Amino acid sequence: MTPPIVDLATLRDALRDFAAARAWQPFHTPKNLAMAMIVEAAELVEHFQWATPEESLRPSPEKLAAIRDEVADTLIYLVELADALDIDLVAAARDKIVKNALKYPAPER
């Protein structure tokens, strides 16, 4: 029985198992994964093309379900890309937040 996917580590492991069961590892190079992620991100953007900012905040239930799928596809490829390059996504995000705080300090109140 596979463990429930509750964090990035178990998601990564589930994706490894999924790809291994289909012998996809030879195709999961950083180049291919980055390209696939961008394709999925473009499919995500399509759902917002020509929408007003207000419309983008209130998609229909059907559109929200489609957006959810594209967000998941993009996340899946991002996790697989990070795994292929041995990048800890949480650590990378934490470090980037620190860099951004230095680059863009909050205004004093």
N, C-alpha and C. Protein backbone atom coordinates (compact mmCIF):
# COMPACT_ATOMS: atom_id res chain seq x y z
N MET A 1 0.84 -1.19 0.00
CA MET A 1 0.00 0.00 0.00
C MET A 1 0.89 1.25 0.00
N THR A 2 0.56 2.19 -0.86
CA THR A 2 1.35 3.41 -0.94
C THR A 2 0.89 4.39 0.14
N PRO A 3 1.84 5.13 0.71
CA PRO A 3 1.46 6.09 1.74
C PRO A 3 0.68 7.24 1.13
N PRO A 4 -0.15 7.90 1.92
CA PRO A 4 -0.89 9.06 1.40
C PRO A 4 0.09 10.19 1.06
N ILE A 5 -0.25 10.93 0.04
CA ILE A 5 0.60 12.04 -0.38
C ILE A 5 0.19 13.26 0.44
N VAL A 6 1.06 13.63 1.39
CA VAL A 6 0.73 14.73 2.31
C VAL A 6 1.79 15.84 2.31
N ASP A 7 2.89 15.63 1.61
CA ASP A 7 3.95 16.63 1.56
C ASP A 7 4.76 16.44 0.28
N LEU A 8 5.73 17.31 0.08
CA LEU A 8 6.52 17.23 -1.16
C LEU A 8 7.34 15.96 -1.24
N ALA A 9 7.82 15.46 -0.12
CA ALA A 9 8.63 14.24 -0.15
C ALA A 9 7.81 13.04 -0.58
N THR A 10 6.60 12.89 -0.04
CA THR A 10 5.79 11.74 -0.45
C THR A 10 5.26 11.93 -1.87
N LEU A 11 5.04 13.18 -2.29
CA LEU A 11 4.66 13.43 -3.68
C LEU A 11 5.81 13.03 -4.60
N ARG A 12 7.02 13.45 -4.26
CA ARG A 12 8.20 13.08 -5.05
C ARG A 12 8.33 11.57 -5.16
N ASP A 13 8.17 10.89 -4.05
CA ASP A 13 8.31 9.43 -4.05
C ASP A 13 7.23 8.77 -4.89
N ALA A 14 6.01 9.28 -4.80
CA ALA A 14 4.91 8.73 -5.61
C ALA A 14 5.17 8.96 -7.09
N LEU A 15 5.72 10.11 -7.43
CA LEU A 15 6.04 10.40 -8.83
C LEU A 15 7.18 9.52 -9.33
N ARG A 16 8.16 9.26 -8.48
CA ARG A 16 9.24 8.33 -8.85
C ARG A 16 8.66 6.95 -9.16
N ASP A 17 7.78 6.47 -8.28
CA ASP A 17 7.16 5.16 -8.48
C ASP A 17 6.33 5.12 -9.75
N PHE A 18 5.57 6.19 -10.00
CA PHE A 18 4.71 6.28 -11.18
C PHE A 18 5.56 6.20 -12.45
N ALA A 19 6.64 6.98 -12.49
CA ALA A 19 7.52 6.98 -13.67
C ALA A 19 8.23 5.64 -13.83
N ALA A 20 8.68 5.07 -12.73
CA ALA A 20 9.39 3.78 -12.79
C ALA A 20 8.48 2.68 -13.31
N ALA A 21 7.22 2.68 -12.89
CA ALA A 21 6.28 1.65 -13.33
C ALA A 21 6.04 1.71 -14.83
N ARG A 22 6.32 2.85 -15.43
CA ARG A 22 6.10 3.04 -16.87
C ARG A 22 7.42 3.13 -17.64
N ALA A 23 8.53 2.96 -16.94
CA ALA A 23 9.88 3.04 -17.54
C ALA A 23 10.10 4.39 -18.23
N TRP A 24 9.66 5.46 -17.59
CA TRP A 24 9.79 6.80 -18.14
C TRP A 24 11.07 7.51 -17.74
N GLN A 25 11.86 6.94 -16.83
CA GLN A 25 13.03 7.64 -16.32
C GLN A 25 13.97 8.15 -17.42
N PRO A 26 14.21 7.39 -18.51
CA PRO A 26 15.12 7.91 -19.53
C PRO A 26 14.63 9.23 -20.16
N PHE A 27 13.35 9.47 -20.10
CA PHE A 27 12.78 10.68 -20.71
C PHE A 27 12.70 11.84 -19.73
N HIS A 28 12.90 11.57 -18.46
CA HIS A 28 12.76 12.60 -17.43
C HIS A 28 14.08 13.30 -17.16
N THR A 29 14.62 13.89 -18.22
CA THR A 29 15.83 14.70 -18.10
C THR A 29 15.42 16.11 -17.68
N PRO A 30 16.33 16.87 -17.09
CA PRO A 30 15.96 18.24 -16.73
C PRO A 30 15.41 19.04 -17.91
N LYS A 31 16.02 18.88 -19.08
CA LYS A 31 15.53 19.62 -20.26
C LYS A 31 14.09 19.25 -20.57
N ASN A 32 13.80 17.97 -20.63
CA ASN A 32 12.44 17.54 -20.97
C ASN A 32 11.43 17.94 -19.90
N LEU A 33 11.82 17.81 -18.65
CA LEU A 33 10.90 18.16 -17.56
C LEU A 33 10.63 19.66 -17.53
N ALA A 34 11.66 20.47 -17.76
CA ALA A 34 11.46 21.92 -17.80
C ALA A 34 10.55 22.31 -18.96
N MET A 35 10.76 21.68 -20.10
CA MET A 35 9.91 21.99 -21.25
C MET A 35 8.46 21.55 -21.00
N ALA A 36 8.28 20.38 -20.43
CA ALA A 36 6.93 19.89 -20.13
C ALA A 36 6.24 20.80 -19.12
N MET A 37 7.00 21.27 -18.13
CA MET A 37 6.42 22.16 -17.12
C MET A 37 5.93 23.47 -17.77
N ILE A 38 6.70 23.99 -18.69
CA ILE A 38 6.31 25.23 -19.35
C ILE A 38 5.07 25.02 -20.22
N VAL A 39 4.97 23.88 -20.87
CA VAL A 39 3.77 23.56 -21.65
C VAL A 39 2.54 23.55 -20.74
N GLU A 40 2.68 22.90 -19.59
CA GLU A 40 1.56 22.85 -18.65
C GLU A 40 1.24 24.23 -18.09
N ALA A 41 2.27 25.02 -17.82
CA ALA A 41 2.04 26.38 -17.34
C ALA A 41 1.32 27.22 -18.40
N ALA A 42 1.65 27.00 -19.66
CA ALA A 42 0.95 27.71 -20.75
C ALA A 42 -0.51 27.29 -20.81
N GLU A 43 -0.78 25.99 -20.58
CA GLU A 43 -2.17 25.53 -20.56
C GLU A 43 -2.92 26.16 -19.38
N LEU A 44 -2.23 26.38 -18.29
CA LEU A 44 -2.83 27.07 -17.14
C LEU A 44 -3.18 28.51 -17.50
N VAL A 45 -2.25 29.19 -18.14
CA VAL A 45 -2.45 30.59 -18.52
C VAL A 45 -3.64 30.74 -19.47
N GLU A 46 -3.85 29.75 -20.33
CA GLU A 46 -4.97 29.82 -21.27
C GLU A 46 -6.31 30.04 -20.57
N HIS A 47 -6.45 29.50 -19.38
CA HIS A 47 -7.72 29.64 -18.65
C HIS A 47 -7.98 31.07 -18.20
N PHE A 48 -6.93 31.89 -18.17
CA PHE A 48 -7.07 33.28 -17.73
C PHE A 48 -6.96 34.28 -18.87
N GLN A 49 -6.60 33.80 -20.06
CA GLN A 49 -6.43 34.69 -21.20
C GLN A 49 -7.74 35.41 -21.46
N TRP A 50 -7.67 36.71 -21.57
CA TRP A 50 -8.79 37.60 -21.88
C TRP A 50 -9.76 37.77 -20.71
N ALA A 51 -9.53 37.12 -19.60
CA ALA A 51 -10.39 37.33 -18.43
C ALA A 51 -9.99 38.64 -17.75
N THR A 52 -10.96 39.30 -17.18
CA THR A 52 -10.65 40.48 -16.39
C THR A 52 -10.06 40.02 -15.05
N PRO A 53 -9.39 40.91 -14.33
CA PRO A 53 -8.90 40.51 -13.01
C PRO A 53 -10.03 39.98 -12.11
N GLU A 54 -11.18 40.60 -12.20
CA GLU A 54 -12.31 40.16 -11.38
C GLU A 54 -12.78 38.76 -11.80
N GLU A 55 -12.87 38.51 -13.11
CA GLU A 55 -13.27 37.19 -13.60
C GLU A 55 -12.27 36.11 -13.18
N SER A 56 -10.99 36.47 -13.15
CA SER A 56 -9.98 35.49 -12.78
C SER A 56 -10.11 35.08 -11.32
N LEU A 57 -10.70 35.92 -10.51
CA LEU A 57 -10.89 35.61 -9.08
C LEU A 57 -12.11 34.73 -8.84
N ARG A 58 -13.01 34.65 -9.82
CA ARG A 58 -14.26 33.89 -9.64
C ARG A 58 -14.53 32.97 -10.82
N PRO A 59 -13.66 32.00 -11.07
CA PRO A 59 -13.94 31.08 -12.19
C PRO A 59 -15.14 30.18 -11.86
N SER A 60 -15.81 29.75 -12.91
CA SER A 60 -16.92 28.82 -12.72
C SER A 60 -16.38 27.52 -12.11
N PRO A 61 -17.24 26.72 -11.51
CA PRO A 61 -16.76 25.44 -10.96
C PRO A 61 -16.08 24.56 -12.01
N GLU A 62 -16.59 24.55 -13.24
CA GLU A 62 -15.98 23.75 -14.29
C GLU A 62 -14.60 24.27 -14.65
N LYS A 63 -14.50 25.60 -14.78
CA LYS A 63 -13.20 26.20 -15.11
C LYS A 63 -12.22 26.00 -13.96
N LEU A 64 -12.69 26.13 -12.73
CA LEU A 64 -11.82 25.92 -11.57
C LEU A 64 -11.27 24.49 -11.54
N ALA A 65 -12.09 23.52 -11.91
CA ALA A 65 -11.63 22.12 -11.97
C ALA A 65 -10.54 21.97 -13.02
N ALA A 66 -10.70 22.62 -14.17
CA ALA A 66 -9.68 22.56 -15.23
C ALA A 66 -8.40 23.27 -14.79
N ILE A 67 -8.54 24.41 -14.12
CA ILE A 67 -7.38 25.15 -13.60
C ILE A 67 -6.65 24.29 -12.58
N ARG A 68 -7.40 23.62 -11.72
CA ARG A 68 -6.81 22.75 -10.70
C ARG A 68 -5.94 21.67 -11.36
N ASP A 69 -6.44 21.07 -12.43
CA ASP A 69 -5.67 20.04 -13.14
C ASP A 69 -4.37 20.61 -13.71
N GLU A 70 -4.43 21.80 -14.28
CA GLU A 70 -3.22 22.40 -14.86
C GLU A 70 -2.23 22.81 -13.77
N VAL A 71 -2.72 23.30 -12.64
CA VAL A 71 -1.84 23.60 -11.51
C VAL A 71 -1.14 22.32 -11.06
N ALA A 72 -1.91 21.23 -10.97
CA ALA A 72 -1.32 19.95 -10.56
C ALA A 72 -0.27 19.48 -11.56
N ASP A 73 -0.57 19.57 -12.85
CA ASP A 73 0.40 19.15 -13.86
C ASP A 73 1.69 19.96 -13.74
N THR A 74 1.55 21.28 -13.54
CA THR A 74 2.73 22.14 -13.42
C THR A 74 3.53 21.77 -12.18
N LEU A 75 2.84 21.55 -11.07
CA LEU A 75 3.52 21.16 -9.83
C LEU A 75 4.24 19.82 -10.00
N ILE A 76 3.57 18.87 -10.62
CA ILE A 76 4.18 17.55 -10.82
C ILE A 76 5.49 17.67 -11.58
N TYR A 77 5.49 18.41 -12.67
CA TYR A 77 6.73 18.56 -13.44
C TYR A 77 7.78 19.34 -12.66
N LEU A 78 7.38 20.32 -11.87
CA LEU A 78 8.34 21.06 -11.05
C LEU A 78 8.99 20.14 -10.02
N VAL A 79 8.19 19.31 -9.36
CA VAL A 79 8.73 18.37 -8.37
C VAL A 79 9.67 17.38 -9.05
N GLU A 80 9.29 16.89 -10.23
CA GLU A 80 10.16 15.95 -10.94
C GLU A 80 11.46 16.62 -11.40
N LEU A 81 11.38 17.87 -11.83
CA LEU A 81 12.58 18.60 -12.23
C LEU A 81 13.51 18.80 -11.04
N ALA A 82 12.96 19.22 -9.93
CA ALA A 82 13.77 19.41 -8.72
C ALA A 82 14.40 18.09 -8.30
N ASP A 83 13.65 17.01 -8.40
CA ASP A 83 14.18 15.68 -8.04
C ASP A 83 15.33 15.30 -8.96
N ALA A 84 15.18 15.55 -10.26
CA ALA A 84 16.23 15.19 -11.22
C ALA A 84 17.52 15.96 -10.95
N LEU A 85 17.40 17.17 -10.41
CA LEU A 85 18.57 18.01 -10.14
C LEU A 85 18.96 18.03 -8.67
N ASP A 86 18.29 17.20 -7.86
CA ASP A 86 18.56 17.12 -6.42
C ASP A 86 18.43 18.47 -5.74
N ILE A 87 17.33 19.17 -6.05
CA ILE A 87 17.02 20.45 -5.43
C ILE A 87 15.93 20.23 -4.40
N ASP A 88 16.18 20.66 -3.18
CA ASP A 88 15.17 20.64 -2.13
C ASP A 88 14.28 21.86 -2.35
N LEU A 89 13.06 21.64 -2.81
CA LEU A 89 12.18 22.76 -3.16
C LEU A 89 11.87 23.66 -1.98
N VAL A 90 11.62 23.08 -0.81
CA VAL A 90 11.30 23.89 0.36
C VAL A 90 12.50 24.74 0.77
N ALA A 91 13.67 24.15 0.78
CA ALA A 91 14.88 24.91 1.12
C ALA A 91 15.15 25.99 0.08
N ALA A 92 14.96 25.66 -1.19
CA ALA A 92 15.18 26.65 -2.25
C ALA A 92 14.21 27.82 -2.10
N ALA A 93 12.94 27.52 -1.82
CA ALA A 93 11.95 28.58 -1.64
C ALA A 93 12.27 29.42 -0.41
N ARG A 94 12.65 28.76 0.67
CA ARG A 94 13.00 29.48 1.91
C ARG A 94 14.18 30.43 1.65
N ASP A 95 15.21 29.93 0.96
CA ASP A 95 16.37 30.76 0.65
C ASP A 95 16.00 31.92 -0.26
N LYS A 96 15.12 31.67 -1.20
CA LYS A 96 14.72 32.72 -2.14
C LYS A 96 13.91 33.80 -1.43
N ILE A 97 13.08 33.41 -0.46
CA ILE A 97 12.33 34.41 0.31
C ILE A 97 13.29 35.33 1.05
N VAL A 98 14.35 34.77 1.61
CA VAL A 98 15.36 35.58 2.30
C VAL A 98 16.01 36.55 1.32
N LYS A 99 16.40 36.05 0.14
CA LYS A 99 17.01 36.91 -0.88
C LYS A 99 16.04 38.01 -1.30
N ASN A 100 14.77 37.66 -1.51
CA ASN A 100 13.78 38.65 -1.92
C ASN A 100 13.54 39.70 -0.84
N ALA A 101 13.58 39.30 0.42
CA ALA A 101 13.40 40.26 1.52
C ALA A 101 14.53 41.29 1.53
N LEU A 102 15.73 40.84 1.21
CA LEU A 102 16.86 41.77 1.14
C LEU A 102 16.75 42.68 -0.08
N LYS A 103 16.30 42.11 -1.19
CA LYS A 103 16.18 42.87 -2.44
C LYS A 103 15.01 43.83 -2.42
N TYR A 104 13.92 43.40 -1.77
CA TYR A 104 12.69 44.20 -1.73
C TYR A 104 12.25 44.37 -0.27
N PRO A 105 12.93 45.21 0.48
CA PRO A 105 12.57 45.36 1.89
C PRO A 105 11.17 45.96 2.04
N ALA A 106 10.48 45.53 3.09
CA ALA A 106 9.15 46.04 3.36
C ALA A 106 9.28 47.49 3.83
N PRO A 107 8.32 48.34 3.45
CA PRO A 107 8.39 49.73 3.90
C PRO A 107 8.23 49.81 5.42
N GLU A 108 8.91 50.78 6.00
CA GLU A 108 8.79 50.98 7.45
C GLU A 108 7.42 51.55 7.77
N ARG A 109 6.89 51.11 8.92
CA ARG A 109 5.56 51.60 9.32
C ARG A 109 5.66 52.48 10.53
